[in-house]
C-alpha atoms as a PDB file:
ATOM      1  CA  MET A   1     -23.750  45.643 -44.836  1.00  0.00           C
ATOM      2  CA  LYS A   2     -20.623  47.802 -44.801  1.00  0.00           C
ATOM      3  CA  SER A   3     -20.564  47.870 -41.008  1.00  0.00           C
ATOM      4  CA  SER A   4     -20.803  44.070 -40.952  1.00  0.00           C
ATOM      5  CA  MET A   5     -17.890  43.765 -43.365  1.00  0.00           C
ATOM      6  CA  VAL A   6     -15.811  46.142 -41.289  1.00  0.00           C
ATOM      7  CA  LEU A   7     -16.603  44.154 -38.148  1.00  0.00           C
ATOM      8  CA  LEU A   8     -15.519  40.906 -39.802  1.00  0.00           C
ATOM      9  CA  VAL A   9     -12.249  42.471 -40.912  1.00  0.00           C
ATOM     10  CA  LEU A  10     -11.568  43.806 -37.414  1.00  0.00           C
ATOM     11  CA  VAL A  11     -12.343  40.436 -35.837  1.00  0.00           C
ATOM     12  CA  GLY A  12     -10.031  38.693 -38.303  1.00  0.00           C
ATOM     13  CA  LEU A  13      -7.291  41.226 -37.633  1.00  0.00           C
ATOM     14  CA  ALA A  14      -7.659  40.805 -33.883  1.00  0.00           C
ATOM     15  CA  GLY A  15      -7.445  37.033 -34.281  1.00  0.00           C
ATOM     16  CA  SER A  16      -4.272  37.333 -36.316  1.00  0.00           C
ATOM     17  CA  ILE A  17      -2.684  39.599 -33.727  1.00  0.00           C
ATOM     18  CA  TRP A  18      -3.679  37.189 -30.926  1.00  0.00           C
ATOM     19  CA  ALA A  19      -2.246  34.211 -32.850  1.00  0.00           C
ATOM     20  CA  ASP A  20       1.019  36.064 -33.473  1.00  0.00           C
ATOM     21  CA  GLN A  21       1.343  36.746 -29.768  1.00  0.00           C
ATOM     22  CA  GLN A  22       0.903  33.083 -28.756  1.00  0.00           C
ATOM     23  CA  PRO A  23       4.116  31.182 -27.955  1.00  0.00           C
ATOM     24  CA  THR A  24       5.170  28.495 -30.406  1.00  0.00           C
ATOM     25  CA  ALA A  25       5.439  24.868 -29.346  1.00  0.00           C
ATOM     26  CA  ALA A  26       9.210  25.213 -29.136  1.00  0.00           C
ATOM     27  CA  GLU A  27       8.885  28.305 -26.949  1.00  0.00           C
ATOM     28  CA  GLN A  28       6.465  26.498 -24.638  1.00  0.00           C
ATOM     29  CA  VAL A  29       8.906  23.603 -24.236  1.00  0.00           C
ATOM     30  CA  ASN A  30      11.783  25.979 -23.506  1.00  0.00           C
ATOM     31  CA  THR A  31       9.674  27.757 -20.898  1.00  0.00           C
ATOM     32  CA  ALA A  32       8.853  24.434 -19.269  1.00  0.00           C
ATOM     33  CA  PHE A  33      12.536  23.510 -19.090  1.00  0.00           C
ATOM     34  CA  LYS A  34      13.268  26.794 -17.325  1.00  0.00           C
ATOM     35  CA  GLN A  35      10.435  26.141 -14.873  1.00  0.00           C
ATOM     36  CA  LEU A  36      12.038  22.836 -13.881  1.00  0.00           C
ATOM     37  CA  ALA A  37      14.514  24.900 -11.880  1.00  0.00           C
ATOM     38  CA  ASP A  38      11.818  27.065 -10.280  1.00  0.00           C
ATOM     39  CA  PRO A  39      12.012  27.170  -6.455  1.00  0.00           C
ATOM     40  CA  ASP A  40       8.251  26.572  -6.317  1.00  0.00           C
ATOM     41  CA  ALA A  41       7.451  22.836  -6.337  1.00  0.00           C
ATOM     42  CA  GLU A  42       4.046  23.350  -7.960  1.00  0.00           C
ATOM     43  CA  ALA A  43       5.699  25.180 -10.865  1.00  0.00           C
ATOM     44  CA  ARG A  44       8.190  22.323 -11.303  1.00  0.00           C
ATOM     45  CA  ARG A  45       5.414  19.750 -11.267  1.00  0.00           C
ATOM     46  CA  ASN A  46       3.417  21.690 -13.849  1.00  0.00           C
ATOM     47  CA  ALA A  47       6.529  21.939 -15.987  1.00  0.00           C
ATOM     48  CA  VAL A  48       7.014  18.173 -15.917  1.00  0.00           C
ATOM     49  CA  ASP A  49       3.348  17.583 -16.766  1.00  0.00           C
ATOM     50  CA  SER A  50       3.558  19.966 -19.723  1.00  0.00           C
ATOM     51  CA  LEU A  51       6.563  18.111 -21.148  1.00  0.00           C
ATOM     52  CA  ILE A  52       4.852  14.699 -21.241  1.00  0.00           C
ATOM     53  CA  GLY A  53       4.359  13.771 -24.876  1.00  0.00           C
ATOM     54  CA  SER A  54       7.013  16.160 -26.182  1.00  0.00           C
ATOM     55  CA  THR A  55       9.551  14.756 -28.651  1.00  0.00           C
ATOM     56  CA  ASP A  56      12.326  17.086 -27.515  1.00  0.00           C
ATOM     57  CA  PRO A  57      15.532  15.033 -26.942  1.00  0.00           C
ATOM     58  CA  ARG A  58      16.113  16.832 -23.639  1.00  0.00           C
ATOM     59  CA  ILE A  59      12.987  15.257 -22.129  1.00  0.00           C
ATOM     60  CA  LEU A  60      14.507  12.035 -20.811  1.00  0.00           C
ATOM     61  CA  PRO A  61      17.415  13.664 -18.898  1.00  0.00           C
ATOM     62  CA  ALA A  62      14.950  16.211 -17.500  1.00  0.00           C
ATOM     63  CA  PHE A  63      12.553  13.504 -16.281  1.00  0.00           C
ATOM     64  CA  LEU A  64      15.395  11.473 -14.779  1.00  0.00           C
ATOM     65  CA  LYS A  65      16.533  14.529 -12.848  1.00  0.00           C
ATOM     66  CA  ALA A  66      12.988  15.422 -11.781  1.00  0.00           C
ATOM     67  CA  ALA A  67      12.558  11.844 -10.485  1.00  0.00           C
ATOM     68  CA  GLN A  68      15.022  12.839  -7.737  1.00  0.00           C
ATOM     69  CA  ASP A  69      13.270  16.100  -6.889  1.00  0.00           C
ATOM     70  CA  PRO A  70      12.813  16.820  -3.143  1.00  0.00           C
ATOM     71  CA  ASP A  71       9.045  17.182  -3.662  1.00  0.00           C
ATOM     72  CA  PRO A  72       7.073  13.897  -3.973  1.00  0.00           C
ATOM     73  CA  ASN A  73       4.547  15.429  -6.375  1.00  0.00           C
ATOM     74  CA  VAL A  74       7.327  16.364  -8.778  1.00  0.00           C
ATOM     75  CA  ARG A  75       8.855  12.892  -8.490  1.00  0.00           C
ATOM     76  CA  TYR A  76       5.443  11.348  -9.142  1.00  0.00           C
ATOM     77  CA  ALA A  77       4.940  13.505 -12.245  1.00  0.00           C
ATOM     78  CA  ALA A  78       8.402  12.572 -13.531  1.00  0.00           C
ATOM     79  CA  LEU A  79       7.724   8.833 -13.125  1.00  0.00           C
ATOM     80  CA  ASN A  80       4.401   9.296 -14.850  1.00  0.00           C
ATOM     81  CA  GLY A  81       6.316  10.778 -17.776  1.00  0.00           C
ATOM     82  CA  LEU A  82       8.823   7.927 -17.796  1.00  0.00           C
ATOM     83  CA  ARG A  83       6.147   5.234 -18.005  1.00  0.00           C
ATOM     84  CA  VAL A  84       4.623   6.400 -21.296  1.00  0.00           C
ATOM     85  CA  GLY A  85       5.573   6.394 -24.938  1.00  0.00           C
ATOM     86  CA  LYS A  86       9.043   5.657 -26.217  1.00  0.00           C
ATOM     87  CA  PHE A  87      10.570   5.460 -22.732  1.00  0.00           C
ATOM     88  CA  LYS A  88       8.980   2.018 -22.302  1.00  0.00           C
ATOM     89  CA  LYS A  89      11.756   0.705 -24.531  1.00  0.00           C
ATOM     90  CA  ASP A  90      14.637   2.752 -23.122  1.00  0.00           C
ATOM     91  CA  PRO A  91      16.901   0.932 -20.603  1.00  0.00           C
ATOM     92  CA  ARG A  92      18.124   4.285 -19.269  1.00  0.00           C
ATOM     93  CA  VAL A  93      14.940   4.625 -17.222  1.00  0.00           C
ATOM     94  CA  VAL A  94      15.644   1.491 -15.143  1.00  0.00           C
ATOM     95  CA  PRO A  95      18.018   3.020 -12.522  1.00  0.00           C
ATOM     96  CA  ALA A  96      15.568   5.840 -11.777  1.00  0.00           C
ATOM     97  CA  LEU A  97      12.659   3.425 -11.421  1.00  0.00           C
ATOM     98  CA  LEU A  98      14.648   1.064  -9.216  1.00  0.00           C
ATOM     99  CA  LYS A  99      15.593   3.953  -6.958  1.00  0.00           C
ATOM    100  CA  ALA A 100      11.938   5.012  -6.790  1.00  0.00           C
ATOM    101  CA  PHE A 101      11.078   1.614  -5.291  1.00  0.00           C
ATOM    102  CA  LYS A 102      12.708   2.867  -2.077  1.00  0.00           C
ATOM    103  CA  ASP A 103      10.914   6.226  -2.139  1.00  0.00           C
ATOM    104  CA  PRO A 104       9.352   7.240   1.208  1.00  0.00           C
ATOM    105  CA  ASP A 105       6.168   8.292  -0.601  1.00  0.00           C
ATOM    106  CA  THR A 106       3.698   5.434  -1.167  1.00  0.00           C
ATOM    107  CA  GLY A 107       2.249   6.976  -4.316  1.00  0.00           C
ATOM    108  CA  VAL A 108       5.684   7.314  -5.897  1.00  0.00           C
ATOM    109  CA  ARG A 109       6.576   3.720  -5.033  1.00  0.00           C
ATOM    110  CA  SER A 110       3.312   2.410  -6.434  1.00  0.00           C
ATOM    111  CA  LEU A 111       3.721   4.314  -9.700  1.00  0.00           C
ATOM    112  CA  ALA A 112       7.327   3.110 -10.015  1.00  0.00           C
ATOM    113  CA  LEU A 113       6.101  -0.456  -9.668  1.00  0.00           C
ATOM    114  CA  HIS A 114       3.547  -0.022 -12.451  1.00  0.00           C
ATOM    115  CA  ALA A 115       5.963   1.940 -14.620  1.00  0.00           C
ATOM    116  CA  ILE A 116       8.632  -0.730 -14.533  1.00  0.00           C
ATOM    117  CA  GLY A 117       6.019  -3.396 -15.116  1.00  0.00           C
ATOM    118  CA  ASN A 118       5.056  -1.625 -18.353  1.00  0.00           C
ATOM    119  CA  LEU A 119       8.564  -1.707 -19.788  1.00  0.00           C
ATOM    120  CA  LYS A 120       8.863  -3.478 -23.122  1.00  0.00           C
ATOM    121  CA  PHE A 121      12.032  -5.335 -22.168  1.00  0.00           C
ATOM    122  CA  THR A 122      13.208  -7.546 -19.312  1.00  0.00           C
ATOM    123  CA  ASP A 123      15.955  -6.489 -16.958  1.00  0.00           C
ATOM    124  CA  ALA A 124      17.354  -8.986 -14.439  1.00  0.00           C
ATOM    125  CA  ARG A 125      17.586  -6.244 -11.809  1.00  0.00           C
ATOM    126  CA  VAL A 126      13.883  -5.564 -12.160  1.00  0.00           C
ATOM    127  CA  VAL A 127      12.916  -9.210 -11.653  1.00  0.00           C
ATOM    128  CA  GLN A 128      15.017  -9.350  -8.476  1.00  0.00           C
ATOM    129  CA  VAL A 129      13.341  -6.254  -7.068  1.00  0.00           C
ATOM    130  CA  PHE A 130       9.866  -7.611  -7.813  1.00  0.00           C
ATOM    131  CA  LEU A 131      10.707 -10.939  -6.193  1.00  0.00           C
ATOM    132  CA  LYS A 132      12.068  -9.163  -3.122  1.00  0.00           C
ATOM    133  CA  ILE A 133       8.941  -7.043  -2.719  1.00  0.00           C
ATOM    134  CA  ALA A 134       6.678 -10.058  -3.314  1.00  0.00           C
ATOM    135  CA  GLN A 135       8.315 -11.922  -0.434  1.00  0.00           C
ATOM    136  CA  ASP A 136       8.469  -9.007   2.005  1.00  0.00           C
ATOM    137  CA  GLN A 137       5.554  -9.464   4.405  1.00  0.00           C
ATOM    138  CA  TYR A 138       5.845  -5.857   5.572  1.00  0.00           C
ATOM    139  CA  ASP A 139       5.788  -4.281   2.106  1.00  0.00           C
ATOM    140  CA  GLU A 140       2.423  -2.714   1.271  1.00  0.00           C
ATOM    141  CA  MET A 141       3.168  -3.117  -2.461  1.00  0.00           C
ATOM    142  CA  ARG A 142       3.494  -6.879  -2.063  1.00  0.00           C
ATOM    143  CA  VAL A 143       0.253  -7.981  -3.728  1.00  0.00           C
ATOM    144  CA  THR A 144       0.786  -5.570  -6.627  1.00  0.00           C
ATOM    145  CA  ALA A 145       4.298  -6.905  -7.187  1.00  0.00           C
ATOM    146  CA  ILE A 146       3.013 -10.490  -7.166  1.00  0.00           C
ATOM    147  CA  SER A 147       0.331  -9.738  -9.746  1.00  0.00           C
ATOM    148  CA  MET A 148       2.923  -8.147 -12.044  1.00  0.00           C
ATOM    149  CA  LEU A 149       5.391 -11.029 -11.922  1.00  0.00           C
ATOM    150  CA  GLY A 150       3.421 -12.564 -14.771  1.00  0.00           C
ATOM    151  CA  LYS A 151       4.957  -9.964 -17.090  1.00  0.00           C
ATOM    152  CA  PHE A 152       8.370 -11.570 -16.765  1.00  0.00           C
ATOM    153  CA  HIS A 153       9.573 -14.894 -18.147  1.00  0.00           C
ATOM    154  CA  ASP A 154      12.119 -15.964 -15.581  1.00  0.00           C
ATOM    155  CA  PRO A 155      12.567 -19.462 -14.105  1.00  0.00           C
ATOM    156  CA  GLN A 156      13.128 -17.975 -10.634  1.00  0.00           C
ATOM    157  CA  ILE A 157       9.525 -16.795 -10.433  1.00  0.00           C
ATOM    158  CA  VAL A 158       7.578 -20.073 -10.303  1.00  0.00           C
ATOM    159  CA  PRO A 159       9.195 -21.433  -7.105  1.00  0.00           C
ATOM    160  CA  VAL A 160       8.460 -18.135  -5.375  1.00  0.00           C
ATOM    161  CA  LEU A 161       4.818 -18.158  -6.526  1.00  0.00           C
ATOM    162  CA  LEU A 162       4.382 -21.756  -5.388  1.00  0.00           C
ATOM    163  CA  LYS A 163       5.653 -20.744  -1.962  1.00  0.00           C
ATOM    164  CA  LEU A 164       3.424 -17.641  -1.840  1.00  0.00           C
ATOM    165  CA  ALA A 165       0.396 -19.767  -2.793  1.00  0.00           C
ATOM    166  CA  LYS A 166       0.685 -21.164   0.759  1.00  0.00           C
ATOM    167  CA  ASP A 167       1.103 -17.775   2.449  1.00  0.00           C
ATOM    168  CA  MET A 168      -0.930 -16.860   5.540  1.00  0.00           C
ATOM    169  CA  GLU A 169      -2.177 -13.620   3.940  1.00  0.00           C
ATOM    170  CA  PRO A 170      -5.273 -14.331   1.752  1.00  0.00           C
ATOM    171  CA  GLY A 171      -4.541 -11.518  -0.697  1.00  0.00           C
ATOM    172  CA  VAL A 172      -1.005 -12.798  -1.217  1.00  0.00           C
ATOM    173  CA  ARG A 173      -2.200 -16.390  -1.734  1.00  0.00           C
ATOM    174  CA  GLN A 174      -4.888 -15.347  -4.175  1.00  0.00           C
ATOM    175  CA  GLY A 175      -2.518 -13.113  -6.142  1.00  0.00           C
ATOM    176  CA  ALA A 176       0.079 -15.880  -6.370  1.00  0.00           C
ATOM    177  CA  ILE A 177      -2.490 -18.408  -7.598  1.00  0.00           C
ATOM    178  CA  TYR A 178      -3.774 -16.112 -10.336  1.00  0.00           C
ATOM    179  CA  THR A 179      -0.227 -15.226 -11.404  1.00  0.00           C
ATOM    180  CA  LEU A 180       0.615 -18.922 -11.760  1.00  0.00           C
ATOM    181  CA  GLY A 181      -1.708 -18.721 -14.762  1.00  0.00           C
ATOM    182  CA  PHE A 182       1.131 -17.088 -16.681  1.00  0.00           C
ATOM    183  CA  PHE A 183       3.367 -20.105 -16.052  1.00  0.00           C
ATOM    184  CA  THR A 184       1.106 -23.038 -16.883  1.00  0.00           C
ATOM    185  CA  GLN A 185       3.852 -24.675 -18.971  1.00  0.00           C
ATOM    186  CA  ASP A 186       5.755 -25.389 -15.773  1.00  0.00           C
ATOM    187  CA  PRO A 187       5.070 -28.999 -14.664  1.00  0.00           C
ATOM    188  CA  GLN A 188       4.697 -27.942 -11.019  1.00  0.00           C
ATOM    189  CA  VAL A 189       1.773 -25.610 -11.672  1.00  0.00           C
ATOM    190  CA  LEU A 190      -1.028 -28.048 -12.556  1.00  0.00           C
ATOM    191  CA  PRO A 191      -0.578 -30.324  -9.488  1.00  0.00           C
ATOM    192  CA  THR A 192      -0.562 -27.241  -7.270  1.00  0.00           C
ATOM    193  CA  LEU A 193      -3.792 -25.934  -8.797  1.00  0.00           C
ATOM    194  CA  LEU A 194      -5.502 -29.311  -8.442  1.00  0.00           C
ATOM    195  CA  LYS A 195      -4.623 -29.338  -4.753  1.00  0.00           C
ATOM    196  CA  ILE A 196      -5.828 -25.753  -4.190  1.00  0.00           C
ATOM    197  CA  LYS A 197      -9.116 -26.605  -5.942  1.00  0.00           C
ATOM    198  CA  THR A 198     -10.175 -28.332  -2.722  1.00  0.00           C
ATOM    199  CA  ASP A 199      -8.933 -25.558  -0.406  1.00  0.00           C
ATOM    200  CA  PRO A 200     -11.273 -24.612   2.487  1.00  0.00           C
ATOM    201  CA  ASP A 201     -11.265 -20.981   1.326  1.00  0.00           C
ATOM    202  CA  PRO A 202     -13.740 -20.455  -1.553  1.00  0.00           C
ATOM    203  CA  GLN A 203     -11.742 -17.513  -2.921  1.00  0.00           C
ATOM    204  CA  MET A 204      -8.693 -19.726  -3.310  1.00  0.00           C
ATOM    205  CA  ARG A 205     -10.772 -22.437  -4.971  1.00  0.00           C
ATOM    206  CA  LEU A 206     -12.161 -19.928  -7.458  1.00  0.00           C
ATOM    207  CA  ALA A 207      -8.668 -18.564  -8.198  1.00  0.00           C
ATOM    208  CA  ALA A 208      -7.366 -22.079  -8.887  1.00  0.00           C
ATOM    209  CA  LEU A 209     -10.424 -22.937 -11.001  1.00  0.00           C
ATOM    210  CA  SER A 210      -9.957 -19.767 -13.068  1.00  0.00           C
ATOM    211  CA  VAL A 211      -6.388 -20.747 -13.937  1.00  0.00           C
ATOM    212  CA  LEU A 212      -7.541 -24.291 -14.676  1.00  0.00           C
ATOM    213  CA  GLY A 213     -10.092 -22.729 -17.016  1.00  0.00           C
ATOM    214  CA  VAL A 214      -7.264 -21.272 -19.067  1.00  0.00           C
ATOM    215  CA  LEU A 215      -5.676 -24.718 -19.349  1.00  0.00           C
ATOM    216  CA  ALA A 216      -9.053 -26.300 -20.085  1.00  0.00           C
ATOM    217  CA  LYS A 217      -9.258 -24.577 -23.457  1.00  0.00           C
ATOM    218  CA  SER A 218      -6.745 -27.059 -24.868  1.00  0.00           C
ATOM    219  CA  ASP A 219      -7.047 -30.024 -22.488  1.00  0.00           C
ATOM    220  CA  SER A 220     -10.246 -32.068 -22.182  1.00  0.00           C
ATOM    221  CA  GLN A 221      -9.138 -33.732 -18.954  1.00  0.00           C
ATOM    222  CA  VAL A 222      -8.500 -30.393 -17.304  1.00  0.00           C
ATOM    223  CA  LEU A 223     -11.864 -29.192 -18.643  1.00  0.00           C
ATOM    224  CA  SER A 224     -13.619 -31.971 -16.742  1.00  0.00           C
ATOM    225  CA  VAL A 225     -11.843 -30.945 -13.546  1.00  0.00           C
ATOM    226  CA  PHE A 226     -12.613 -27.279 -14.197  1.00  0.00           C
ATOM    227  CA  LEU A 227     -16.338 -27.954 -14.588  1.00  0.00           C
ATOM    228  CA  THR A 228     -16.513 -29.572 -11.148  1.00  0.00           C
ATOM    229  CA  GLY A 229     -16.385 -25.987  -9.919  1.00  0.00           C
ATOM    230  CA  MET A 230     -19.946 -25.544 -11.219  1.00  0.00           C
ATOM    231  CA  LYS A 231     -20.998 -27.846  -8.358  1.00  0.00           C
ATOM    232  CA  ASP A 232     -18.894 -26.112  -5.706  1.00  0.00           C
ATOM    233  CA  PRO A 233     -20.666 -25.882  -2.321  1.00  0.00           C
ATOM    234  CA  ASP A 234     -20.162 -22.101  -2.266  1.00  0.00           C
ATOM    235  CA  MET A 235     -22.596 -20.096  -4.405  1.00  0.00           C
ATOM    236  CA  HIS A 236     -20.016 -17.366  -5.008  1.00  0.00           C
ATOM    237  CA  VAL A 237     -17.660 -19.894  -6.557  1.00  0.00           C
ATOM    238  CA  ARG A 238     -20.450 -21.162  -8.811  1.00  0.00           C
ATOM    239  CA  GLN A 239     -21.282 -17.577  -9.818  1.00  0.00           C
ATOM    240  CA  GLY A 240     -17.611 -16.857 -10.443  1.00  0.00           C
ATOM    241  CA  MET A 241     -17.377 -19.901 -12.693  1.00  0.00           C
ATOM    242  CA  ILE A 242     -20.283 -18.638 -14.802  1.00  0.00           C
ATOM    243  CA  ILE A 243     -18.732 -15.209 -15.157  1.00  0.00           C
ATOM    244  CA  PHE A 244     -15.339 -16.698 -16.053  1.00  0.00           C
ATOM    245  CA  ILE A 245     -16.933 -18.752 -18.838  1.00  0.00           C
ATOM    246  CA  THR A 246     -18.719 -15.640 -20.094  1.00  0.00           C
ATOM    247  CA  PHE A 247     -15.398 -13.900 -20.684  1.00  0.00           C
ATOM    248  CA  ASN A 248     -13.925 -16.929 -22.467  1.00  0.00           C
ATOM    249  CA  PRO A 249     -15.827 -17.503 -25.722  1.00  0.00           C
ATOM    250  CA  ASP A 250     -13.653 -20.516 -26.585  1.00  0.00           C
ATOM    251  CA  LEU A 251     -15.111 -22.382 -23.622  1.00  0.00           C
ATOM    252  CA  GLN A 252     -18.657 -21.476 -24.633  1.00  0.00           C
ATOM    253  CA  GLN A 253     -18.225 -23.523 -27.804  1.00  0.00           C
ATOM    254  CA  ARG A 254     -17.781 -26.748 -25.829  1.00  0.00           C
ATOM    255  CA  PRO A 255     -20.994 -28.785 -25.422  1.00  0.00           C
ATOM    256  CA  GLU A 256     -20.108 -29.842 -21.871  1.00  0.00           C
ATOM    257  CA  VAL A 257     -19.667 -26.214 -20.872  1.00  0.00           C
ATOM    258  CA  VAL A 258     -23.041 -25.208 -22.323  1.00  0.00           C
ATOM    259  CA  SER A 259     -24.610 -28.157 -20.500  1.00  0.00           C
ATOM    260  CA  ALA A 260     -23.067 -26.974 -17.225  1.00  0.00           C
ATOM    261  CA  LEU A 261     -24.437 -23.454 -17.772  1.00  0.00           C
ATOM    262  CA  LEU A 262     -27.917 -24.802 -18.458  1.00  0.00           C
ATOM    263  CA  GLN A 263     -27.734 -26.813 -15.239  1.00  0.00           C
ATOM    264  CA  ALA A 264     -26.628 -23.662 -13.387  1.00  0.00           C
ATOM    265  CA  ALA A 265     -29.861 -22.023 -14.575  1.00  0.00           C
ATOM    266  CA  GLU A 266     -31.633 -24.626 -12.409  1.00  0.00           C
ATOM    267  CA  ASP A 267     -29.401 -24.116  -9.367  1.00  0.00           C
ATOM    268  CA  GLN A 268     -31.092 -24.201  -5.973  1.00  0.00           C
ATOM    269  CA  ASP A 269     -29.690 -20.757  -5.177  1.00  0.00           C
ATOM    270  CA  PRO A 270     -31.585 -17.886  -6.879  1.00  0.00           C
ATOM    271  CA  GLY A 271     -28.402 -15.814  -7.067  1.00  0.00           C
ATOM    272  CA  VAL A 272     -26.741 -18.481  -9.201  1.00  0.00           C
ATOM    273  CA  ARG A 273     -29.844 -18.808 -11.417  1.00  0.00           C
ATOM    274  CA  GLN A 274     -29.855 -15.038 -11.845  1.00  0.00           C
ATOM    275  CA  THR A 275     -26.182 -15.009 -12.827  1.00  0.00           C
ATOM    276  CA  ALA A 276     -26.709 -17.895 -15.237  1.00  0.00           C
ATOM    277  CA  VAL A 277     -29.652 -16.378 -17.079  1.00  0.00           C
ATOM    278  CA  LYS A 278     -27.867 -13.042 -17.277  1.00  0.00           C
ATOM    279  CA  HIS A 279     -24.957 -14.579 -19.191  1.00  0.00           C
ATOM    280  CA  ILE A 280     -26.442 -17.305 -21.408  1.00  0.00           C
ATOM    281  CA  ALA A 281     -28.220 -15.099 -23.964  1.00  0.00           C
ATOM    282  CA  PRO A 282     -25.149 -14.646 -26.252  1.00  0.00           C
ATOM    283  CA  ILE A 283     -24.697 -18.418 -26.610  1.00  0.00           C
ATOM    284  CA  LYS A 284     -26.150 -20.004 -29.729  1.00  0.00           C
ATOM    285  CA  HIS A 285     -27.744 -23.282 -28.596  1.00  0.00           C
ATOM    286  CA  PRO A 286     -31.272 -24.712 -29.029  1.00  0.00           C
ATOM    287  CA  GLN A 287     -31.832 -24.979 -25.272  1.00  0.00           C
ATOM    288  CA  ILE A 288     -30.999 -21.365 -24.435  1.00  0.00           C
ATOM    289  CA  LEU A 289     -34.365 -19.880 -25.421  1.00  0.00           C
ATOM    290  CA  PRO A 290     -36.475 -22.504 -23.569  1.00  0.00           C
ATOM    291  CA  THR A 291     -34.300 -21.984 -20.486  1.00  0.00           C
ATOM    292  CA  ILE A 292     -34.846 -18.223 -20.525  1.00  0.00           C
ATOM    293  CA  GLN A 293     -38.586 -18.728 -21.079  1.00  0.00           C
ATOM    294  CA  ARG A 294     -38.783 -21.068 -18.099  1.00  0.00           C
ATOM    295  CA  LEU A 295     -36.947 -18.605 -15.866  1.00  0.00           C
ATOM    296  CA  LEU A 296     -39.492 -15.940 -16.767  1.00  0.00           C
ATOM    297  CA  GLN A 297     -41.757 -17.934 -14.416  1.00  0.00           C
ATOM    298  CA  ASP A 298     -39.142 -18.417 -11.692  1.00  0.00           C
ATOM    299  CA  PRO A 299     -40.423 -18.044  -8.107  1.00  0.00           C
ATOM    300  CA  ASP A 300     -37.715 -15.483  -7.368  1.00  0.00           C
ATOM    301  CA  PRO A 301     -38.562 -11.918  -8.565  1.00  0.00           C
ATOM    302  CA  ASP A 302     -34.915 -11.010  -9.238  1.00  0.00           C
ATOM    303  CA  VAL A 303     -34.472 -14.077 -11.421  1.00  0.00           C
ATOM    304  CA  ARG A 304     -37.657 -13.197 -13.345  1.00  0.00           C
ATOM    305  CA  ARG A 305     -36.445  -9.633 -13.844  1.00  0.00           C
ATOM    306  CA  MET A 306     -33.069 -10.829 -15.128  1.00  0.00           C
ATOM    307  CA  ALA A 307     -34.804 -13.352 -17.407  1.00  0.00           C
ATOM    308  CA  GLN A 308     -36.776 -10.492 -18.957  1.00  0.00           C
ATOM    309  CA  GLU A 309     -33.516  -8.644 -19.659  1.00  0.00           C
ATOM    310  CA  ALA A 310     -31.999 -11.847 -21.032  1.00  0.00           C
ATOM    311  CA  MET A 311     -34.946 -12.341 -23.353  1.00  0.00           C
ATOM    312  CA  LYS A 312     -34.485  -8.862 -24.808  1.00  0.00           C
ATOM    313  CA  ASP A 313     -30.793  -9.546 -25.257  1.00  0.00           C
ATOM    314  CA  TYR A 314     -31.471 -12.920 -26.873  1.00  0.00           C
ATOM    315  CA  LYS A 315     -33.942 -11.478 -29.398  1.00  0.00           C
ATOM    316  CA  GLN A 316     -31.466  -8.767 -30.390  1.00  0.00           C
ATOM    317  CA  ARG A 317     -28.644 -11.249 -30.849  1.00  0.00           C
ATOM    318  CA  HIS A 318     -30.714 -13.971 -32.539  1.00  0.00           C
ATOM    319  CA  PRO A 319     -33.455 -12.228 -34.555  1.00  0.00           C
END
């Protein structure tokens, strides 16, 4: 017993000595600041990483300086620090992020794009840079810039998106169409979407239908147009429509939408039937259970398997 007590005391004493020897938070921060001037790039990057989350007032100037470091990994770490926390609301970060847009390193440029898109304020200079990148056919960040234009409320954006919705590059067109969903109050958007809904490219049709689905929540006429997508000649569009409705509970409350989903469960394509039965279980409607039961006898084995999963899901949700 005595030996055990002695051992406990020694362990406690050793722990106290170890704790006393550990650097305090303030000492760790000061060490990191010193390492920012280290000739070794890895040490500088580690220093920047260790300062992320610190409340020390010297952090912002240190990150802004590190964003101009000769090593791309250090610059990347600095931008990563600038895009979090309180810096999202600090206009002083804008010049550094704008400069990073011209960085020779692709990773740095990409992070700068996302960092400035996460800012909690709008800066006219930022909008101009995004619009420039979005329209530069040789810029590899083009599609990303287009998708982030929806974060800004600027009247210059819609005309550019309408133009890009006719671009030769499919990814650019698709990104522009989806981003128009953030500007549905503009009177030019709805006619453009209605035209694209008949585009030869099924991906463009689905993009336009998805944006129309957002408008359909508050407009019965648009809802009727939106639901025509459930009869699209391309099975992938029909599947995409089902999935879109699944992620929009407001639409699931509309009787015409439920009717369209039930019809999709009888689609000639087994892939569409499989997608339909997979997603109808959460809906509370008297025809859902009979539809799942019928698909348990479907001639396609994948549809039957999915119907079994749907039945389990239905019983858990509607005991």
